[in-house]
Amino acid sequence: MVRAFHKAGVEVILDVVFNHTAEGDELGPTLCFRGMDNAIFYTLASDKRYYKDYTGTGNTINANHRDRPAAGRLRQDGDGRSSRRRSGNRNELRSGLKQP
């Protein structure tokens, strides 16, 4: 699909989010990490039934590489084919695919 957009002259910017997931807070659906190992992937409150929410979405991924190597590796793997650039307060990832 990206190649088709490039062929049509449309630049593609992939905006990937690494600090939260769609699972929301403790009332949200179980879609991915919560079902695998909640305590490894999420930043939990002192009462482990609840999440610390630094993102405003209900949860925050715990990507501290020393404490949670699995979550940190996931983030590193996710931007392995991309180049990172800083834009204001956001990190943007540009697709590693070259235009034809």
Protein backbone atom coordinates (compact mmCIF):
# COMPACT_ATOMS: atom_id res chain seq x y z
CA MET A 1 0.00 0.00 0.00
CA VAL A 2 2.83 2.42 0.85
CA ARG A 3 4.43 1.78 -2.52
CA ALA A 4 1.11 2.49 -4.25
CA PHE A 5 0.84 5.82 -2.43
CA HIS A 6 4.43 6.67 -3.36
CA LYS A 7 3.70 5.81 -6.98
CA ALA A 8 0.75 8.21 -6.86
CA GLY A 9 3.05 10.93 -5.48
CA VAL A 10 1.74 10.76 -1.93
CA GLU A 11 4.30 10.77 0.90
CA VAL A 12 3.55 8.38 3.76
CA ILE A 13 4.46 9.21 7.35
CA LEU A 14 3.94 6.40 9.83
CA ASP A 15 3.08 7.73 13.29
CA VAL A 16 3.71 4.93 15.78
CA VAL A 17 2.74 5.19 19.43
CA PHE A 18 5.01 3.42 21.93
CA ASN A 19 3.82 4.85 25.24
CA HIS A 20 0.30 3.36 25.53
CA THR A 21 -2.05 0.81 23.99
CA ALA A 22 -5.73 0.64 23.03
CA GLU A 23 -6.52 -1.46 26.11
CA GLY A 24 -7.29 1.65 28.18
CA ASP A 25 -7.54 1.45 31.95
CA GLU A 26 -8.59 -1.48 34.15
CA LEU A 27 -12.12 -1.29 32.68
CA GLY A 28 -10.95 -1.49 29.06
CA PRO A 29 -10.90 -4.58 26.85
CA THR A 30 -8.07 -7.13 26.95
CA LEU A 31 -6.55 -6.94 23.47
CA CYS A 32 -2.84 -7.68 23.77
CA PHE A 33 -0.35 -7.04 26.60
CA ARG A 34 -2.78 -7.25 29.51
CA GLY A 35 -3.52 -10.82 28.52
CA MET A 36 0.15 -11.75 28.15
CA ASP A 37 1.63 -10.26 31.33
CA ASN A 38 -0.01 -7.15 32.69
CA ALA A 39 2.69 -6.35 35.27
CA ILE A 40 5.56 -6.59 32.78
CA PHE A 41 4.14 -4.33 30.08
CA TYR A 42 2.20 -1.67 32.02
CA THR A 43 3.08 0.85 34.71
CA LEU A 44 0.82 -0.17 37.58
CA ALA A 45 -0.27 1.72 40.69
CA SER A 46 0.61 0.48 44.18
CA ASP A 47 -2.71 -1.41 44.10
CA LYS A 48 -1.79 -3.60 41.11
CA ARG A 49 -5.40 -3.70 39.89
CA TYR A 50 -5.01 -0.11 38.63
CA TYR A 51 -2.82 1.61 36.05
CA LYS A 52 -0.68 4.71 36.30
CA ASP A 53 -1.89 6.94 33.49
CA TYR A 54 0.80 9.36 32.30
CA THR A 55 -0.57 9.41 28.75
CA GLY A 56 -4.22 10.38 29.27
CA THR A 57 -5.37 7.14 27.63
CA GLY A 58 -5.83 4.96 30.71
CA ASN A 59 -2.47 3.18 30.66
CA THR A 60 1.26 3.74 30.19
CA ILE A 61 3.69 1.17 28.80
CA ASN A 62 6.57 0.50 31.20
CA ALA A 63 9.48 0.59 28.77
CA ASN A 64 12.20 1.09 31.36
CA HIS A 65 14.85 -1.14 29.82
CA ARG A 66 16.41 -2.19 33.11
CA ASP A 67 13.18 -3.06 34.91
CA ARG A 68 11.16 -4.36 31.96
CA PRO A 69 13.42 -5.65 29.18
CA ALA A 70 10.54 -7.28 27.26
CA ALA A 71 8.59 -4.02 26.92
CA GLY A 72 11.77 -2.10 26.10
CA ARG A 73 12.72 -4.60 23.41
CA LEU A 74 9.27 -4.29 21.89
CA ARG A 75 9.81 -0.55 21.47
CA GLN A 76 13.28 -1.01 20.03
CA ASP A 77 12.06 -3.63 17.58
CA GLY A 78 9.22 -1.38 16.51
CA ASP A 79 11.44 1.38 15.22
CA GLY A 80 14.19 -0.83 13.81
CA ARG A 81 13.49 0.02 10.12
CA SER A 82 12.73 3.66 10.75
CA SER A 83 14.66 6.84 11.23
CA ARG A 84 13.70 8.98 14.17
CA ARG A 85 13.53 12.75 14.16
CA ARG A 86 12.44 15.18 16.82
CA SER A 87 9.64 17.57 15.88
CA GLY A 88 8.50 19.89 18.65
CA ASN A 89 7.34 17.72 21.53
CA ARG A 90 6.79 14.61 19.37
CA ASN A 91 9.04 11.89 18.12
CA GLU A 92 8.13 11.08 14.54
CA LEU A 93 9.14 7.97 12.68
CA ARG A 94 9.62 8.09 8.95
CA SER A 95 9.03 4.97 6.91
CA GLY A 96 12.17 3.07 5.94
CA LEU A 97 10.65 2.28 2.54
CA LYS A 98 12.20 4.20 -0.34
CA GLN A 99 10.12 5.82 -3.01
CA PRO A 100 10.29 4.07 -6.39
